[in-house]
Amino acid sequence: MLICDEVTSALDADSAISVMDLLTELSDGRGLSLVLVSHDVRLVCDRTDSLLVMSEGHVVESGPTARLFSSPSHPVTAALATGIPLSG
């Protein structure tokens, strides 16, 4: 298992994509699960099968990534899916 916590947070967009591509290649090549902790859901969404959304320390929604993006049931998930900055 490869766990990455905010691994792209201080990177420009092109570098972040390159790092994500490298992590995906590494996990696929070695048969590792990849756990991504990120506020940039749009960057990680096409590299995940499932998503867990937290707000204020609590899980507010979880499930298949495609379903959460197509029909989010929680306002935080909807905001993350559209890239709206969240306060707090």
C-alpha atoms as a PDB file:
ATOM      1  CA  MET A   1       0.000   0.000   0.000  1.00  0.00           C
ATOM      2  CA  LEU A   2       1.234   3.439  -0.966  1.00  0.00           C
ATOM      3  CA  ILE A   3      -0.255   6.275   1.121  1.00  0.00           C
ATOM      4  CA  CYS A   4       0.172   9.846  -0.136  1.00  0.00           C
ATOM      5  CA  ASP A   5      -1.056  12.743   1.997  1.00  0.00           C
ATOM      6  CA  GLU A   6      -1.432  16.012   0.058  1.00  0.00           C
ATOM      7  CA  VAL A   7       1.497  14.968  -2.127  1.00  0.00           C
ATOM      8  CA  THR A   8       0.711  17.602  -4.789  1.00  0.00           C
ATOM      9  CA  SER A   9      -0.470  20.495  -2.618  1.00  0.00           C
ATOM     10  CA  ALA A  10       2.609  22.690  -3.144  1.00  0.00           C
ATOM     11  CA  LEU A  11       3.059  21.919  -6.839  1.00  0.00           C
ATOM     12  CA  ASP A  12       1.989  23.762  -9.962  1.00  0.00           C
ATOM     13  CA  ALA A  13      -0.657  22.026 -12.090  1.00  0.00           C
ATOM     14  CA  ASP A  14       1.745  20.440 -14.590  1.00  0.00           C
ATOM     15  CA  SER A  15       4.027  19.075 -11.873  1.00  0.00           C
ATOM     16  CA  ALA A  16       1.031  17.749  -9.924  1.00  0.00           C
ATOM     17  CA  ILE A  17      -0.185  15.828 -12.955  1.00  0.00           C
ATOM     18  CA  SER A  18       3.313  14.414 -13.523  1.00  0.00           C
ATOM     19  CA  VAL A  19       3.558  13.270  -9.895  1.00  0.00           C
ATOM     20  CA  MET A  20       0.106  11.662 -10.075  1.00  0.00           C
ATOM     21  CA  ASP A  21       1.083   9.869 -13.291  1.00  0.00           C
ATOM     22  CA  LEU A  22       4.252   8.595 -11.618  1.00  0.00           C
ATOM     23  CA  LEU A  23       2.358   7.391  -8.531  1.00  0.00           C
ATOM     24  CA  THR A  24      -0.223   5.624 -10.688  1.00  0.00           C
ATOM     25  CA  GLU A  25       2.519   3.948 -12.732  1.00  0.00           C
ATOM     26  CA  LEU A  26       4.370   2.918  -9.579  1.00  0.00           C
ATOM     27  CA  SER A  27       1.293   1.458  -7.885  1.00  0.00           C
ATOM     28  CA  ASP A  28       0.147  -0.355 -11.038  1.00  0.00           C
ATOM     29  CA  GLY A  29       3.620  -1.695 -11.771  1.00  0.00           C
ATOM     30  CA  ARG A  30       4.122  -3.068  -8.278  1.00  0.00           C
ATOM     31  CA  GLY A  31       0.554  -4.151  -7.615  1.00  0.00           C
ATOM     32  CA  LEU A  32       0.124  -1.675  -4.774  1.00  0.00           C
ATOM     33  CA  SER A  33      -3.039  -0.047  -3.542  1.00  0.00           C
ATOM     34  CA  LEU A  34      -2.802   3.731  -3.758  1.00  0.00           C
ATOM     35  CA  VAL A  35      -4.433   5.818  -1.006  1.00  0.00           C
ATOM     36  CA  LEU A  36      -4.602   9.503  -1.884  1.00  0.00           C
ATOM     37  CA  VAL A  37      -5.409  12.154   0.712  1.00  0.00           C
ATOM     38  CA  SER A  38      -6.159  15.371  -1.134  1.00  0.00           C
ATOM     39  CA  HIS A  39      -8.335  18.462  -1.263  1.00  0.00           C
ATOM     40  CA  ASP A  40      -7.886  18.472  -5.041  1.00  0.00           C
ATOM     41  CA  VAL A  41     -10.513  15.866  -5.828  1.00  0.00           C
ATOM     42  CA  ARG A  42     -10.550  16.733  -9.521  1.00  0.00           C
ATOM     43  CA  LEU A  43      -6.859  15.793  -9.758  1.00  0.00           C
ATOM     44  CA  VAL A  44      -7.289  12.394  -8.126  1.00  0.00           C
ATOM     45  CA  CYS A  45     -10.774  11.431  -9.341  1.00  0.00           C
ATOM     46  CA  ASP A  46      -9.665   9.710 -12.553  1.00  0.00           C
ATOM     47  CA  ARG A  47      -7.144   7.653 -10.592  1.00  0.00           C
ATOM     48  CA  THR A  48      -9.539   6.299  -7.989  1.00  0.00           C
ATOM     49  CA  ASP A  49     -12.203   3.619  -7.927  1.00  0.00           C
ATOM     50  CA  SER A  50     -13.772   4.839  -4.719  1.00  0.00           C
ATOM     51  CA  LEU A  51     -13.851   8.066  -2.783  1.00  0.00           C
ATOM     52  CA  LEU A  52     -14.382   8.948   0.861  1.00  0.00           C
ATOM     53  CA  VAL A  53     -15.328  12.557   1.595  1.00  0.00           C
ATOM     54  CA  MET A  54     -14.716  14.024   5.038  1.00  0.00           C
ATOM     55  CA  SER A  55     -15.844  17.267   6.591  1.00  0.00           C
ATOM     56  CA  GLU A  56     -14.882  18.486  10.059  1.00  0.00           C
ATOM     57  CA  GLY A  57     -13.344  15.103  10.891  1.00  0.00           C
ATOM     58  CA  HIS A  58     -16.370  13.041   9.885  1.00  0.00           C
ATOM     59  CA  VAL A  59     -17.092  10.942   6.816  1.00  0.00           C
ATOM     60  CA  VAL A  60     -20.005  12.619   5.041  1.00  0.00           C
ATOM     61  CA  GLU A  61     -20.132  10.470   1.914  1.00  0.00           C
ATOM     62  CA  SER A  62     -18.371   7.504   0.362  1.00  0.00           C
ATOM     63  CA  GLY A  63     -18.773   5.269  -2.630  1.00  0.00           C
ATOM     64  CA  PRO A  64     -17.674   4.749  -6.212  1.00  0.00           C
ATOM     65  CA  THR A  65     -15.928   7.854  -7.527  1.00  0.00           C
ATOM     66  CA  ALA A  66     -18.036   8.066 -10.692  1.00  0.00           C
ATOM     67  CA  ARG A  67     -21.297   7.980  -8.708  1.00  0.00           C
ATOM     68  CA  LEU A  68     -20.145  10.605  -6.213  1.00  0.00           C
ATOM     69  CA  PHE A  69     -19.177  12.938  -9.039  1.00  0.00           C
ATOM     70  CA  SER A  70     -22.328  12.357 -11.069  1.00  0.00           C
ATOM     71  CA  SER A  71     -24.794  12.612  -8.196  1.00  0.00           C
ATOM     72  CA  PRO A  72     -23.266  13.847  -4.939  1.00  0.00           C
ATOM     73  CA  SER A  73     -25.656  13.731  -2.007  1.00  0.00           C
ATOM     74  CA  HIS A  74     -23.683  15.989   0.352  1.00  0.00           C
ATOM     75  CA  PRO A  75     -22.908  19.698  -0.234  1.00  0.00           C
ATOM     76  CA  VAL A  76     -19.206  19.184   0.536  1.00  0.00           C
ATOM     77  CA  THR A  77     -18.938  16.467  -2.111  1.00  0.00           C
ATOM     78  CA  ALA A  78     -20.739  18.685  -4.619  1.00  0.00           C
ATOM     79  CA  ALA A  79     -18.389  21.578  -3.864  1.00  0.00           C
ATOM     80  CA  LEU A  80     -15.297  19.399  -4.201  1.00  0.00           C
ATOM     81  CA  ALA A  81     -16.570  17.933  -7.462  1.00  0.00           C
ATOM     82  CA  THR A  82     -17.013  21.376  -8.979  1.00  0.00           C
ATOM     83  CA  GLY A  83     -13.796  22.799  -7.559  1.00  0.00           C
ATOM     84  CA  ILE A  84     -15.495  25.397  -5.375  1.00  0.00           C
ATOM     85  CA  PRO A  85     -13.106  26.450  -2.577  1.00  0.00           C
ATOM     86  CA  LEU A  86     -14.359  25.435   0.848  1.00  0.00           C
ATOM     87  CA  SER A  87     -13.943  27.739   3.827  1.00  0.00           C
ATOM     88  CA  GLY A  88     -12.752  26.564   7.215  1.00  0.00           C
END
